[in-house]
Amino acid sequence: MVDVHIDPEFDDRERRDRLFAGDVVVYTHVPEIAAFAEFARGLITEAFAPFEPRTVQEHRTPEELAEILIAFKPRFIHHPESIAHVRRIVTALGADPAAVYADVPKLRTAFPLGGLTTGIAYAFQPHRDTWYSAPLQQLNWWLPLWPVAPSNVMEFYPRGFGREVPNTSSSYDYTEWNAWRSRMSELNTRDTRVQPAPVAPLPPDEPRLCLVPPVGGVMLFSGDQLHASIPNTSGVARYSVDFRTVDVADLRSGRGAPGVDVAATGTSLGDFHRMTDGAAVPDDVMAAFDRPAAVPHGV
């Protein structure tokens, strides 16, 4: 059973407990989130000028959109104001920035069906972030930049939380994945990596949960939630930002989501840095989470 909490008043510790238990939290208006959305919209509007970002796909080919996004997304990710906005949001919502480590905020784009939906604008199939070597302590923060609708957001599969879903995460190793990403840039080749996914399609009658936070709002959920991109049938492009956080106390104590079907190796914790000073996750914590890939017999 997944409960949805709208503008709850509980503190950060209780919020983490509820998210680790499979609940989803939505805040409908946070000034710091509204400021981040305004900042991101300005950069995106500039990148796609002279066309309006939500209808730019009517004027640019998928190849042209990919070229623009390949150049723009790293600039957004590494803009010093981007991580500063994340710090303000985390602090405003009651977390301790000295205990919280976050990855960089990522811009997500979902163009209408028939447009760019692969590569730089990949539409994610059902998955857990933990299948991608995310720690069970990871929390996901997702915020829209323009108004969204049930026809262009994401959906959760609440029955899948804490229940084993046969999947291909055993073939995923975070270190190898990142090494291939570097080689792909050097060789100027297409991304042919297989994404972790359920072994079989989810049943057509699988219960689904779709939430539509407003601009200026944010949705929080565990990285162990089973979720997917909804094919965009709205007619306009969807732009959102997400980032991920972990609390060092949870990493040290082992408090987190169930992780009943995770077989990925390596860890994404190397992407996380402390909110106060940018320090990396402590070495002893990294060592506890960085599971090596299995070595075949005879090698």
Protein backbone atom coordinates (compact mmCIF):
# COMPACT_ATOMS: atom_id res chain seq x y z
CA MET A 1 0.00 0.00 0.00
CA VAL A 2 1.43 3.38 -1.05
CA ASP A 3 0.23 6.51 0.73
CA VAL A 4 0.55 9.95 -0.86
CA HIS A 5 1.21 12.88 1.46
CA ILE A 6 0.36 16.39 0.24
CA ASP A 7 2.17 19.25 1.99
CA PRO A 8 2.88 17.20 5.13
CA GLU A 9 4.15 18.78 8.32
CA PHE A 10 6.35 15.93 9.51
CA ASP A 11 10.09 16.49 9.89
CA ASP A 12 12.87 15.23 7.64
CA ARG A 13 13.49 12.04 9.68
CA GLU A 14 9.84 10.99 9.50
CA ARG A 15 9.69 11.94 5.82
CA ARG A 16 12.65 9.67 5.06
CA ASP A 17 11.07 6.83 7.03
CA ARG A 18 7.84 7.14 5.07
CA LEU A 19 9.64 7.34 1.72
CA PHE A 20 11.70 4.25 2.59
CA ALA A 21 8.38 2.49 3.33
CA GLY A 22 7.12 3.28 -0.18
CA ASP A 23 5.08 6.43 0.35
CA VAL A 24 5.27 9.44 -1.98
CA VAL A 25 5.41 13.05 -0.77
CA VAL A 26 4.24 16.08 -2.77
CA TYR A 27 4.80 19.71 -1.83
CA THR A 28 2.59 21.99 -3.89
CA HIS A 29 4.38 25.32 -3.47
CA VAL A 30 7.88 25.96 -2.17
CA PRO A 31 9.36 29.40 -3.04
CA GLU A 32 12.85 27.93 -3.47
CA ILE A 33 11.52 25.38 -5.97
CA ALA A 34 9.60 28.06 -7.86
CA ALA A 35 12.86 30.04 -8.10
CA PHE A 36 14.74 27.03 -9.48
CA ALA A 37 11.99 26.42 -12.05
CA GLU A 38 12.13 30.05 -13.17
CA PHE A 39 15.93 29.88 -13.50
CA ALA A 40 15.77 26.67 -15.56
CA ARG A 41 12.98 27.97 -17.81
CA GLY A 42 15.09 31.00 -18.65
CA LEU A 43 18.06 28.88 -19.73
CA ILE A 44 15.88 26.51 -21.75
CA THR A 45 14.06 29.35 -23.49
CA GLU A 46 17.40 30.84 -24.47
CA ALA A 47 18.67 27.48 -25.77
CA PHE A 48 15.66 26.92 -28.05
CA ALA A 49 15.21 30.54 -29.20
CA PRO A 50 13.50 31.79 -31.24
CA PHE A 51 10.99 28.95 -30.72
CA GLU A 52 8.84 28.34 -27.67
CA PRO A 53 10.31 25.34 -25.79
CA ARG A 54 7.07 23.39 -25.45
CA THR A 55 6.40 23.47 -29.18
CA VAL A 56 9.96 23.54 -30.49
CA GLN A 57 9.52 20.02 -31.88
CA GLU A 58 7.21 21.53 -34.53
CA HIS A 59 10.13 23.57 -35.89
CA ARG A 60 13.19 21.37 -35.30
CA THR A 61 13.93 17.82 -36.43
CA PRO A 62 14.72 15.16 -33.81
CA GLU A 63 18.35 15.35 -34.91
CA GLU A 64 18.45 19.12 -34.40
CA LEU A 65 16.81 18.78 -30.99
CA ALA A 66 19.35 16.15 -29.97
CA GLU A 67 22.22 18.42 -31.03
CA ILE A 68 20.84 21.33 -29.00
CA LEU A 69 20.27 19.18 -25.91
CA ILE A 70 23.68 17.50 -26.09
CA ALA A 71 25.25 20.94 -25.85
CA PHE A 72 22.77 22.40 -23.37
CA LYS A 73 22.27 19.70 -20.73
CA PRO A 74 25.89 19.66 -19.45
CA ARG A 75 25.82 23.47 -19.21
CA PHE A 76 22.68 23.28 -17.10
CA ILE A 77 23.95 20.43 -14.94
CA HIS A 78 27.24 22.12 -14.13
CA HIS A 79 25.99 25.70 -13.87
CA PRO A 80 27.01 26.85 -10.38
CA GLU A 81 23.52 28.20 -9.75
CA SER A 82 21.95 24.78 -10.41
CA ILE A 83 23.51 23.04 -7.40
CA ALA A 84 23.02 26.22 -5.35
CA HIS A 85 19.28 25.94 -6.01
CA VAL A 86 19.35 22.29 -4.90
CA ARG A 87 21.04 23.33 -1.64
CA ARG A 88 18.37 25.96 -0.99
CA ILE A 89 15.54 23.51 -1.69
CA VAL A 90 16.93 20.77 0.55
CA THR A 91 17.45 23.26 3.38
CA ALA A 92 14.01 24.88 2.96
CA LEU A 93 12.33 21.50 3.31
CA GLY A 94 13.99 20.72 6.60
CA ALA A 95 16.96 18.52 5.74
CA ASP A 96 20.37 19.15 7.28
CA PRO A 97 22.71 20.26 4.45
CA ALA A 98 25.72 19.09 6.50
CA ALA A 99 24.33 15.53 6.47
CA VAL A 100 22.87 15.49 2.96
CA TYR A 101 24.81 14.50 -0.14
CA ALA A 102 23.27 15.20 -3.56
CA ASP A 103 24.02 14.47 -7.17
CA VAL A 104 23.80 17.19 -9.81
CA PRO A 105 20.32 18.22 -10.98
CA LYS A 106 19.41 16.79 -14.37
CA LEU A 107 17.11 18.26 -16.98
CA ARG A 108 14.64 15.73 -18.42
CA THR A 109 12.79 16.26 -21.69
CA ALA A 110 9.80 14.31 -22.95
CA PHE A 111 8.74 15.25 -26.46
CA PRO A 112 5.37 14.24 -27.92
CA LEU A 113 5.08 10.86 -29.61
CA GLY A 114 6.76 10.89 -33.00
CA GLY A 115 9.52 13.20 -31.80
CA LEU A 116 12.85 12.67 -30.08
CA THR A 117 12.41 9.94 -27.42
CA THR A 118 15.80 8.19 -27.37
CA GLY A 119 19.38 9.00 -26.39
CA ILE A 120 19.55 12.46 -24.83
CA ALA A 121 15.72 12.43 -24.41
CA TYR A 122 15.37 8.77 -23.44
CA ALA A 123 11.89 7.72 -22.31
CA PHE A 124 12.45 5.37 -19.38
CA GLN A 125 10.67 2.02 -19.29
CA PRO A 126 9.55 0.56 -15.93
CA HIS A 127 12.59 0.51 -13.64
CA ARG A 128 13.93 1.20 -10.19
CA ASP A 129 16.89 3.54 -9.80
CA THR A 130 18.36 0.87 -7.52
CA TRP A 131 18.65 -1.39 -10.59
CA TYR A 132 21.14 1.25 -11.80
CA SER A 133 23.37 0.79 -8.71
CA ALA A 134 21.67 3.53 -6.68
CA PRO A 135 21.84 3.00 -2.90
CA LEU A 136 18.69 1.94 -1.05
CA GLN A 137 18.98 5.22 0.90
CA GLN A 138 18.47 7.35 -2.22
CA LEU A 139 15.57 9.80 -2.39
CA ASN A 140 14.43 11.27 -5.71
CA TRP A 141 13.19 14.85 -6.06
CA TRP A 142 11.19 15.61 -9.23
CA LEU A 143 9.86 19.03 -10.24
CA PRO A 144 8.14 20.28 -13.41
CA LEU A 145 9.29 23.46 -15.14
CA TRP A 146 6.06 24.15 -17.05
CA PRO A 147 2.57 22.84 -16.23
CA VAL A 148 2.30 19.08 -16.75
CA ALA A 149 -0.60 16.69 -17.19
CA PRO A 150 -1.31 12.97 -16.68
CA SER A 151 -0.49 12.51 -20.37
CA ASN A 152 3.14 13.61 -20.06
CA VAL A 153 4.50 12.89 -16.59
CA MET A 154 5.57 9.61 -14.97
CA GLU A 155 3.72 6.77 -13.34
CA PHE A 156 4.41 4.56 -10.34
CA TYR A 157 3.56 0.90 -9.93
CA PRO A 158 2.72 0.88 -6.21
CA ARG A 159 2.17 -2.88 -5.98
CA GLY A 160 5.78 -3.33 -7.07
CA PHE A 161 7.29 -1.63 -4.02
CA GLY A 162 8.86 -4.25 -1.77
CA ARG A 163 7.75 -7.03 -4.12
CA GLU A 164 10.22 -8.90 -6.29
CA VAL A 165 9.99 -8.12 -10.00
CA PRO A 166 12.29 -10.35 -12.10
CA ASN A 167 14.67 -8.02 -13.89
CA THR A 168 17.98 -7.70 -15.73
CA SER A 169 19.86 -5.59 -13.17
CA SER A 170 22.44 -8.36 -12.70
CA SER A 171 23.97 -7.27 -16.02
CA TYR A 172 24.44 -3.69 -14.84
CA ASP A 173 27.73 -2.49 -13.35
CA TYR A 174 28.03 1.22 -12.63
CA THR A 175 31.76 1.44 -13.28
CA GLU A 176 31.48 -0.28 -16.67
CA TRP A 177 28.46 1.85 -17.57
CA ASN A 178 30.34 5.10 -16.97
CA ALA A 179 33.44 3.82 -18.78
CA TRP A 180 31.32 3.04 -21.84
CA ARG A 181 29.74 6.49 -21.67
CA SER A 182 33.21 8.04 -21.90
CA ARG A 183 34.21 5.79 -24.80
CA MET A 184 30.96 6.59 -26.58
CA SER A 185 31.84 10.30 -26.55
CA GLU A 186 35.38 9.65 -27.73
CA LEU A 187 34.31 7.31 -30.52
CA ASN A 188 31.27 9.36 -31.53
CA THR A 189 29.12 6.23 -31.56
CA ARG A 190 25.53 5.48 -30.62
CA ASP A 191 24.59 4.35 -27.14
CA THR A 192 23.83 0.64 -27.46
CA ARG A 193 23.78 -0.19 -23.76
CA VAL A 194 20.84 -2.28 -22.54
CA GLN A 195 18.93 -0.55 -19.77
CA PRO A 196 17.95 -2.60 -16.69
CA ALA A 197 14.30 -3.60 -17.04
CA PRO A 198 11.73 -6.20 -15.99
CA VAL A 199 12.31 -9.58 -17.63
CA ALA A 200 8.69 -9.62 -18.80
CA PRO A 201 6.29 -6.73 -19.50
CA LEU A 202 4.18 -5.69 -16.56
CA PRO A 203 0.60 -7.05 -16.73
CA PRO A 204 -1.91 -4.75 -18.45
CA ASP A 205 -3.94 -4.62 -15.23
CA GLU A 206 -0.95 -3.61 -13.09
CA PRO A 207 -2.17 -0.79 -10.79
CA ARG A 208 -0.65 2.57 -11.67
CA LEU A 209 -0.35 5.83 -9.80
CA CYS A 210 0.08 9.15 -11.60
CA LEU A 211 0.70 12.39 -9.70
CA VAL A 212 0.77 15.87 -11.25
CA PRO A 213 2.62 18.38 -9.07
CA PRO A 214 2.23 22.06 -10.01
CA VAL A 215 5.06 24.32 -11.11
CA GLY A 216 6.71 25.45 -7.90
CA GLY A 217 6.01 22.06 -6.38
CA VAL A 218 8.06 18.89 -6.05
CA MET A 219 7.48 15.16 -5.74
CA LEU A 220 9.71 13.00 -3.50
CA PHE A 221 9.97 9.21 -3.70
CA SER A 222 12.39 6.41 -2.96
CA GLY A 223 14.90 5.39 -5.61
CA ASP A 224 13.55 1.87 -5.05
CA GLN A 225 10.10 2.82 -6.39
CA LEU A 226 9.11 1.06 -9.62
CA HIS A 227 8.27 3.84 -12.08
CA ALA A 228 8.35 4.79 -15.77
CA SER A 229 7.93 7.66 -18.21
CA ILE A 230 4.42 7.98 -19.60
CA PRO A 231 4.41 8.25 -23.42
CA ASN A 232 3.78 11.93 -24.10
CA THR A 233 0.42 12.33 -25.84
CA SER A 234 -0.18 15.89 -24.62
CA GLY A 235 1.01 17.59 -27.81
CA VAL A 236 3.59 19.70 -25.96
CA ALA A 237 7.09 18.93 -24.71
CA ARG A 238 7.51 18.25 -21.01
CA TYR A 239 10.52 19.67 -19.17
CA SER A 240 11.37 18.62 -15.63
CA VAL A 241 14.34 18.59 -13.30
CA ASP A 242 15.25 15.84 -10.91
CA PHE A 243 18.02 15.33 -8.41
CA ARG A 244 18.80 12.71 -5.80
CA THR A 245 19.88 12.90 -2.19
CA VAL A 246 21.14 10.59 0.54
CA ASP A 247 21.58 11.27 4.25
CA VAL A 248 24.92 10.05 5.61
CA ALA A 249 23.24 8.78 8.79
CA ASP A 250 21.07 6.46 6.68
CA LEU A 251 24.10 5.25 4.73
CA ARG A 252 25.96 4.42 7.94
CA SER A 253 23.02 2.78 9.71
CA GLY A 254 21.66 0.87 6.71
CA ARG A 255 18.19 2.44 6.98
CA GLY A 256 16.62 2.47 3.55
CA ALA A 257 14.18 0.90 1.11
CA PRO A 258 13.70 -2.89 0.87
CA GLY A 259 15.68 -3.57 -2.33
CA VAL A 260 14.21 -7.04 -2.72
CA ASP A 261 15.27 -7.59 -6.34
CA VAL A 262 18.45 -5.54 -6.86
CA ALA A 263 21.42 -7.35 -8.42
CA ALA A 264 23.39 -4.42 -9.92
CA THR A 265 27.03 -3.97 -8.95
CA GLY A 266 29.13 -0.91 -8.26
CA THR A 267 27.58 2.19 -6.73
CA SER A 268 26.46 5.60 -7.90
CA LEU A 269 27.53 7.20 -4.61
CA GLY A 270 30.59 8.67 -6.29
CA ASP A 271 28.21 11.14 -7.98
CA PHE A 272 27.03 12.55 -4.63
CA HIS A 273 28.62 15.48 -2.80
CA ARG A 274 27.89 17.14 0.52
CA MET A 275 25.60 20.13 0.30
CA THR A 276 27.69 22.36 2.55
CA ASP A 277 31.11 22.08 0.95
CA GLY A 278 30.99 19.68 -2.02
CA ALA A 279 32.94 16.95 -0.20
CA ALA A 280 32.72 13.41 -1.55
CA VAL A 281 30.99 10.59 0.32
CA PRO A 282 33.45 9.31 2.99
CA ASP A 283 35.74 6.52 1.84
CA ASP A 284 34.55 4.04 4.47
CA VAL A 285 30.95 4.52 3.33
CA MET A 286 31.89 4.16 -0.32
CA ALA A 287 33.76 0.92 0.43
CA ALA A 288 30.66 -0.54 2.10
CA PHE A 289 28.49 0.17 -0.93
CA ASP A 290 30.82 -0.44 -3.87
CA ARG A 291 29.97 -4.07 -4.59
CA PRO A 292 32.33 -5.54 -7.21
CA ALA A 293 31.00 -7.36 -10.23
CA ALA A 294 31.12 -11.14 -10.01
CA VAL A 295 34.17 -12.69 -11.70
CA PRO A 296 33.38 -15.80 -13.78
CA HIS A 297 35.10 -19.03 -12.71
CA GLY A 298 38.37 -19.64 -14.50
CA VAL A 299 39.06 -15.97 -15.26
